[in-house]
């Protein structure tokens, strides 16, 4: 899972619509002056790609990790 924080406008769609609640709002402020999401627990991700689909800024993309990267 990859998040391009400075591309995010802080709409919160990824936080609201993720079925596993992988995201939450962060305290960090990005280049746009908003609070981007932060990944809470990537291991809960279903790799469904819904966050990618709902992100209007194309700031999130999901890729499956190789077995050795997961541990």
PDB file of N, CA and C in Angstrom:
ATOM      1  N   UNK A   1       0.845  -1.161   0.000  1.00  0.00           N
ATOM      2  CA  UNK A   1       0.000   0.000   0.000  1.00  0.00           C
ATOM      3  C   UNK A   1       0.897   1.233   0.000  1.00  0.00           C
ATOM      4  N   UNK A   2       0.577   2.163  -0.859  1.00  0.00           N
ATOM      5  CA  UNK A   2       1.385   3.370  -0.997  1.00  0.00           C
ATOM      6  C   UNK A   2       0.482   4.597  -0.900  1.00  0.00           C
ATOM      7  N   UNK A   3       0.925   5.567  -0.148  1.00  0.00           N
ATOM      8  CA  UNK A   3       0.178   6.795   0.056  1.00  0.00           C
ATOM      9  C   UNK A   3       1.083   7.972  -0.292  1.00  0.00           C
ATOM     10  N   UNK A   4       0.652   8.779  -1.249  1.00  0.00           N
ATOM     11  CA  UNK A   4       1.403   9.969  -1.637  1.00  0.00           C
ATOM     12  C   UNK A   4       0.796  11.133  -0.852  1.00  0.00           C
ATOM     13  N   UNK A   5       1.345  11.393   0.317  1.00  0.00           N
ATOM     14  CA  UNK A   5       0.747  12.327   1.278  1.00  0.00           C
ATOM     15  C   UNK A   5       0.575  13.736   0.734  1.00  0.00           C
ATOM     16  N   UNK A   6       1.546  14.234  -0.008  1.00  0.00           N
ATOM     17  CA  UNK A   6       1.453  15.606  -0.507  1.00  0.00           C
ATOM     18  C   UNK A   6       0.457  15.763  -1.649  1.00  0.00           C
ATOM     19  N   UNK A   7      -0.016  14.673  -2.199  1.00  0.00           N
ATOM     20  CA  UNK A   7      -1.018  14.712  -3.259  1.00  0.00           C
ATOM     21  C   UNK A   7      -2.433  14.711  -2.672  1.00  0.00           C
ATOM     22  N   UNK A   8      -2.562  14.337  -1.414  1.00  0.00           N
ATOM     23  CA  UNK A   8      -3.855  14.206  -0.738  1.00  0.00           C
ATOM     24  C   UNK A   8      -4.450  15.570  -0.406  1.00  0.00           C
ATOM     25  N   UNK A   9      -5.775  15.724  -0.632  1.00  0.00           N
ATOM     26  CA  UNK A   9      -6.451  16.970  -0.258  1.00  0.00           C
ATOM     27  C   UNK A   9      -7.266  16.817   1.019  1.00  0.00           C
ATOM     28  N   UNK A  10      -7.169  15.656   1.657  1.00  0.00           N
ATOM     29  CA  UNK A  10      -7.804  15.462   2.955  1.00  0.00           C
ATOM     30  C   UNK A  10      -9.300  15.240   2.923  1.00  0.00           C
ATOM     31  N   UNK A  11      -9.818  14.662   1.860  1.00  0.00           N
ATOM     32  CA  UNK A  11     -11.267  14.450   1.758  1.00  0.00           C
ATOM     33  C   UNK A  11     -11.780  13.405   2.750  1.00  0.00           C
ATOM     34  N   UNK A  12     -10.923  12.446   3.103  1.00  0.00           N
ATOM     35  CA  UNK A  12     -11.311  11.426   4.071  1.00  0.00           C
ATOM     36  C   UNK A  12     -12.072  10.245   3.507  1.00  0.00           C
ATOM     37  N   UNK A  13     -12.238  10.174   2.191  1.00  0.00           N
ATOM     38  CA  UNK A  13     -12.974   9.053   1.602  1.00  0.00           C
ATOM     39  C   UNK A  13     -12.330   7.712   1.925  1.00  0.00           C
ATOM     40  N   UNK A  14     -11.010   7.658   1.898  1.00  0.00           N
ATOM     41  CA  UNK A  14     -10.325   6.393   2.187  1.00  0.00           C
ATOM     42  C   UNK A  14     -10.595   5.956   3.623  1.00  0.00           C
ATOM     43  N   UNK A  15     -10.615   6.908   4.542  1.00  0.00           N
ATOM     44  CA  UNK A  15     -10.886   6.605   5.949  1.00  0.00           C
ATOM     45  C   UNK A  15     -12.325   6.125   6.109  1.00  0.00           C
ATOM     46  N   UNK A  16     -13.245   6.813   5.466  1.00  0.00           N
ATOM     47  CA  UNK A  16     -14.670   6.516   5.597  1.00  0.00           C
ATOM     48  C   UNK A  16     -15.076   5.191   4.957  1.00  0.00           C
ATOM     49  N   UNK A  17     -14.522   4.879   3.800  1.00  0.00           N
ATOM     50  CA  UNK A  17     -15.015   3.744   3.032  1.00  0.00           C
ATOM     51  C   UNK A  17     -14.180   2.473   3.094  1.00  0.00           C
ATOM     52  N   UNK A  18     -13.014   2.492   3.717  1.00  0.00           N
ATOM     53  CA  UNK A  18     -12.205   1.268   3.820  1.00  0.00           C
ATOM     54  C   UNK A  18     -12.951   0.238   4.666  1.00  0.00           C
ATOM     55  N   UNK A  19     -13.208  -0.954   4.116  1.00  0.00           N
ATOM     56  CA  UNK A  19     -13.967  -1.958   4.872  1.00  0.00           C
ATOM     57  C   UNK A  19     -13.235  -2.488   6.102  1.00  0.00           C
ATOM     58  N   UNK A  20     -11.936  -2.353   6.149  1.00  0.00           N
ATOM     59  CA  UNK A  20     -11.149  -2.854   7.285  1.00  0.00           C
ATOM     60  C   UNK A  20     -10.572  -1.734   8.146  1.00  0.00           C
ATOM     61  N   UNK A  21     -10.950  -0.493   7.840  1.00  0.00           N
ATOM     62  CA  UNK A  21     -10.502   0.667   8.627  1.00  0.00           C
ATOM     63  C   UNK A  21      -8.980   0.706   8.773  1.00  0.00           C
ATOM     64  N   UNK A  22      -8.305   0.583   7.639  1.00  0.00           N
ATOM     65  CA  UNK A  22      -6.841   0.593   7.593  1.00  0.00           C
ATOM     66  C   UNK A  22      -6.289   2.012   7.802  1.00  0.00           C
ATOM     67  N   UNK A  23      -7.095   3.033   7.508  1.00  0.00           N
ATOM     68  CA  UNK A  23      -6.641   4.423   7.591  1.00  0.00           C
ATOM     69  C   UNK A  23      -7.281   5.168   8.756  1.00  0.00           C
ATOM     70  N   UNK A  24      -6.577   6.196   9.213  1.00  0.00           N
ATOM     71  CA  UNK A  24      -7.137   7.164  10.149  1.00  0.00           C
ATOM     72  C   UNK A  24      -6.504   8.514   9.832  1.00  0.00           C
ATOM     73  N   UNK A  25      -7.131   9.592  10.292  1.00  0.00           N
ATOM     74  CA  UNK A  25      -6.570  10.920  10.054  1.00  0.00           C
ATOM     75  C   UNK A  25      -5.306  11.080  10.885  1.00  0.00           C
ATOM     76  N   UNK A  26      -4.301  11.658  10.285  1.00  0.00           N
ATOM     77  CA  UNK A  26      -3.042  11.871  10.999  1.00  0.00           C
ATOM     78  C   UNK A  26      -2.983  13.295  11.548  1.00  0.00           C
ATOM     79  N   UNK A  27      -2.046  13.517  12.416  1.00  0.00           N
ATOM     80  CA  UNK A  27      -1.800  14.857  12.947  1.00  0.00           C
ATOM     81  C   UNK A  27      -0.878  15.648  12.015  1.00  0.00           C
ATOM     82  N   UNK A  28      -0.246  14.937  11.102  1.00  0.00           N
ATOM     83  CA  UNK A  28       0.692  15.538  10.153  1.00  0.00           C
ATOM     84  C   UNK A  28      -0.047  16.480   9.203  1.00  0.00           C
ATOM     85  N   UNK A  29       0.630  17.522   8.764  1.00  0.00           N
ATOM     86  CA  UNK A  29       0.069  18.439   7.769  1.00  0.00           C
ATOM     87  C   UNK A  29       0.938  18.346   6.519  1.00  0.00           C
ATOM     88  N   UNK A  30       0.296  18.125   5.375  1.00  0.00           N
ATOM     89  CA  UNK A  30       1.049  17.955   4.130  1.00  0.00           C
ATOM     90  C   UNK A  30       1.280  19.291   3.425  1.00  0.00           C
ATOM     91  N   UNK A  31       1.818  19.229   2.220  1.00  0.00           N
ATOM     92  CA  UNK A  31       2.144  20.429   1.438  1.00  0.00           C
ATOM     93  C   UNK A  31       0.905  21.250   1.074  1.00  0.00           C
ATOM     94  N   UNK A  32      -0.261  20.605   1.054  1.00  0.00           N
ATOM     95  CA  UNK A  32      -1.513  21.309   0.751  1.00  0.00           C
ATOM     96  C   UNK A  32      -2.137  21.948   1.998  1.00  0.00           C
ATOM     97  N   UNK A  33      -1.536  21.679   3.152  1.00  0.00           N
ATOM     98  CA  UNK A  33      -2.043  22.251   4.396  1.00  0.00           C
ATOM     99  C   UNK A  33      -3.183  21.479   5.024  1.00  0.00           C
ATOM    100  N   UNK A  34      -3.315  20.214   4.665  1.00  0.00           N
ATOM    101  CA  UNK A  34      -4.383  19.370   5.221  1.00  0.00           C
ATOM    102  C   UNK A  34      -3.784  18.163   5.936  1.00  0.00           C
ATOM    103  N   UNK A  35      -4.624  17.483   6.683  1.00  0.00           N
ATOM    104  CA  UNK A  35      -4.204  16.268   7.382  1.00  0.00           C
ATOM    105  C   UNK A  35      -4.466  15.062   6.476  1.00  0.00           C
ATOM    106  N   UNK A  36      -3.435  14.469   5.905  1.00  0.00           N
ATOM    107  CA  UNK A  36      -3.639  13.269   5.090  1.00  0.00           C
ATOM    108  C   UNK A  36      -3.916  12.077   6.003  1.00  0.00           C
ATOM    109  N   UNK A  37      -4.401  10.985   5.447  1.00  0.00           N
ATOM    110  CA  UNK A  37      -4.592   9.802   6.285  1.00  0.00           C
ATOM    111  C   UNK A  37      -3.253   9.187   6.649  1.00  0.00           C
ATOM    112  N   UNK A  38      -3.289   8.346   7.632  1.00  0.00           N
ATOM    113  CA  UNK A  38      -2.115   7.533   7.938  1.00  0.00           C
ATOM    114  C   UNK A  38      -2.587   6.091   7.954  1.00  0.00           C
ATOM    115  N   UNK A  39      -1.681   5.209   7.603  1.00  0.00           N
ATOM    116  CA  UNK A  39      -1.988   3.784   7.574  1.00  0.00           C
ATOM    117  C   UNK A  39      -1.842   3.253   8.991  1.00  0.00           C
ATOM    118  N   UNK A  40      -2.934   2.731   9.548  1.00  0.00           N
ATOM    119  CA  UNK A  40      -2.951   2.239  10.920  1.00  0.00           C
ATOM    120  C   UNK A  40      -2.345   0.846  10.999  1.00  0.00           C
ATOM    121  N   UNK A  41      -2.863  -0.062  10.173  1.00  0.00           N
ATOM    122  CA  UNK A  41      -2.407  -1.451  10.203  1.00  0.00           C
ATOM    123  C   UNK A  41      -2.537  -2.047   8.809  1.00  0.00           C
ATOM    124  N   UNK A  42      -1.454  -1.989   8.063  1.00  0.00           N
ATOM    125  CA  UNK A  42      -1.468  -2.464   6.678  1.00  0.00           C
ATOM    126  C   UNK A  42      -1.789  -3.950   6.578  1.00  0.00           C
ATOM    127  N   UNK A  43      -1.508  -4.714   7.616  1.00  0.00           N
ATOM    128  CA  UNK A  43      -1.764  -6.161   7.577  1.00  0.00           C
ATOM    129  C   UNK A  43      -3.259  -6.479   7.518  1.00  0.00           C
ATOM    130  N   UNK A  44      -4.126  -5.526   7.885  1.00  0.00           N
ATOM    131  CA  UNK A  44      -5.574  -5.733   7.807  1.00  0.00           C
ATOM    132  C   UNK A  44      -6.117  -5.517   6.396  1.00  0.00           C
ATOM    133  N   UNK A  45      -5.300  -4.951   5.519  1.00  0.00           N
ATOM    134  CA  UNK A  45      -5.735  -4.620   4.159  1.00  0.00           C
ATOM    135  C   UNK A  45      -6.120  -5.874   3.381  1.00  0.00           C
ATOM    136  N   UNK A  46      -7.276  -5.821   2.720  1.00  0.00           N
ATOM    137  CA  UNK A  46      -7.769  -6.929   1.898  1.00  0.00           C
ATOM    138  C   UNK A  46      -7.247  -6.883   0.464  1.00  0.00           C
ATOM    139  N   UNK A  47      -6.534  -5.817   0.114  1.00  0.00           N
ATOM    140  CA  UNK A  47      -6.062  -5.576  -1.256  1.00  0.00           C
ATOM    141  C   UNK A  47      -7.228  -5.423  -2.231  1.00  0.00           C
ATOM    142  N   UNK A  48      -8.350  -4.925  -1.721  1.00  0.00           N
ATOM    143  CA  UNK A  48      -9.539  -4.764  -2.565  1.00  0.00           C
ATOM    144  C   UNK A  48      -9.403  -3.588  -3.528  1.00  0.00           C
ATOM    145  N   UNK A  49      -8.560  -2.610  -3.186  1.00  0.00           N
ATOM    146  CA  UNK A  49      -8.356  -1.459  -4.053  1.00  0.00           C
ATOM    147  C   UNK A  49      -9.441  -0.405  -3.971  1.00  0.00           C
ATOM    148  N   UNK A  50     -10.361  -0.547  -3.023  1.00  0.00           N
ATOM    149  CA  UNK A  50     -11.451   0.422  -2.924  1.00  0.00           C
ATOM    150  C   UNK A  50     -10.932   1.813  -2.576  1.00  0.00           C
ATOM    151  N   UNK A  51      -9.896   1.882  -1.732  1.00  0.00           N
ATOM    152  CA  UNK A  51      -9.311   3.183  -1.378  1.00  0.00           C
ATOM    153  C   UNK A  51      -8.772   3.882  -2.626  1.00  0.00           C
ATOM    154  N   UNK A  52      -8.169   3.116  -3.501  1.00  0.00           N
ATOM    155  CA  UNK A  52      -7.649   3.661  -4.758  1.00  0.00           C
ATOM    156  C   UNK A  52      -8.791   4.183  -5.623  1.00  0.00           C
ATOM    157  N   UNK A  53      -9.885   3.432  -5.666  1.00  0.00           N
ATOM    158  CA  UNK A  53     -11.032   3.808  -6.492  1.00  0.00           C
ATOM    159  C   UNK A  53     -11.728   5.074  -5.993  1.00  0.00           C
ATOM    160  N   UNK A  54     -11.813   5.265  -4.668  1.00  0.00           N
ATOM    161  CA  UNK A  54     -12.539   6.424  -4.141  1.00  0.00           C
ATOM    162  C   UNK A  54     -11.672   7.670  -3.991  1.00  0.00           C
ATOM    163  N   UNK A  55     -10.365   7.535  -4.120  1.00  0.00           N
ATOM    164  CA  UNK A  55      -9.473   8.687  -3.936  1.00  0.00           C
ATOM    165  C   UNK A  55      -9.522   9.600  -5.164  1.00  0.00           C
ATOM    166  N   UNK A  56     -10.070  10.818  -5.020  1.00  0.00           N
ATOM    167  CA  UNK A  56     -10.165  11.716  -6.171  1.00  0.00           C
ATOM    168  C   UNK A  56      -8.821  12.311  -6.594  1.00  0.00           C
ATOM    169  N   UNK A  57      -7.809  12.154  -5.755  1.00  0.00           N
ATOM    170  CA  UNK A  57      -6.498  12.734  -6.043  1.00  0.00           C
ATOM    171  C   UNK A  57      -5.468  11.714  -6.507  1.00  0.00           C
ATOM    172  N   UNK A  58      -5.875  10.461  -6.643  1.00  0.00           N
ATOM    173  CA  UNK A  58      -4.966   9.380  -7.048  1.00  0.00           C
ATOM    174  C   UNK A  58      -3.746   9.329  -6.137  1.00  0.00           C
ATOM    175  N   UNK A  59      -3.985   9.506  -4.835  1.00  0.00           N
ATOM    176  CA  UNK A  59      -2.901   9.554  -3.857  1.00  0.00           C
ATOM    177  C   UNK A  59      -2.637   8.208  -3.189  1.00  0.00           C
ATOM    178  N   UNK A  60      -3.457   7.207  -3.495  1.00  0.00           N
ATOM    179  CA  UNK A  60      -3.298   5.884  -2.882  1.00  0.00           C
ATOM    180  C   UNK A  60      -3.261   4.837  -3.974  1.00  0.00           C
ATOM    181  N   UNK A  61      -2.325   3.911  -3.856  1.00  0.00           N
ATOM    182  CA  UNK A  61      -2.375   2.737  -4.716  1.00  0.00           C
ATOM    183  C   UNK A  61      -1.917   1.525  -3.929  1.00  0.00           C
ATOM    184  N   UNK A  62      -2.510   0.411  -4.266  1.00  0.00           N
ATOM    185  CA  UNK A  62      -2.294  -0.834  -3.533  1.00  0.00           C
ATOM    186  C   UNK A  62      -1.542  -1.809  -4.419  1.00  0.00           C
ATOM    187  N   UNK A  63      -0.491  -2.391  -3.873  1.00  0.00           N
ATOM    188  CA  UNK A  63       0.240  -3.455  -4.555  1.00  0.00           C
ATOM    189  C   UNK A  63       0.447  -4.579  -3.560  1.00  0.00           C
ATOM    190  N   UNK A  64       0.407  -5.784  -4.044  1.00  0.00           N
ATOM    191  CA  UNK A  64       0.615  -6.934  -3.168  1.00  0.00           C
ATOM    192  C   UNK A  64       2.101  -7.078  -2.881  1.00  0.00           C
ATOM    193  N   UNK A  65       2.427  -7.320  -1.621  1.00  0.00           N
ATOM    194  CA  UNK A  65       3.825  -7.504  -1.231  1.00  0.00           C
ATOM    195  C   UNK A  65       4.261  -8.934  -1.501  1.00  0.00           C
ATOM    196  N   UNK A  66       5.536  -9.084  -1.789  1.00  0.00           N
ATOM    197  CA  UNK A  66       6.112 -10.417  -1.937  1.00  0.00           C
ATOM    198  C   UNK A  66       6.183 -11.064  -0.562  1.00  0.00           C
ATOM    199  N   UNK A  67       6.214 -12.373  -0.514  1.00  0.00           N
ATOM    200  CA  UNK A  67       6.212 -13.113   0.753  1.00  0.00           C
ATOM    201  C   UNK A  67       7.308 -12.655   1.704  1.00  0.00           C
ATOM    202  N   UNK A  68       8.518 -12.439   1.210  1.00  0.00           N
ATOM    203  CA  UNK A  68       9.620 -12.055   2.089  1.00  0.00           C
ATOM    204  C   UNK A  68       9.457 -10.638   2.638  1.00  0.00           C
ATOM    205  N   UNK A  69       8.663  -9.774   1.968  1.00  0.00           N
ATOM    206  CA  UNK A  69       8.432  -8.422   2.444  1.00  0.00           C
ATOM    207  C   UNK A  69       7.369  -8.380   3.536  1.00  0.00           C
ATOM    208  N   UNK A  70       6.515  -9.378   3.619  1.00  0.00           N
ATOM    209  CA  UNK A  70       5.407  -9.388   4.569  1.00  0.00           C
ATOM    210  C   UNK A  70       5.845  -9.637   6.001  1.00  0.00           C
ATOM    211  N   UNK A  71       6.938 -10.329   6.194  1.00  0.00           N
ATOM    212  CA  UNK A  71       7.333 -10.669   7.566  1.00  0.00           C
ATOM    213  C   UNK A  71       8.096  -9.583   8.259  1.00  0.00           C
TER     214      UNK A  71
END
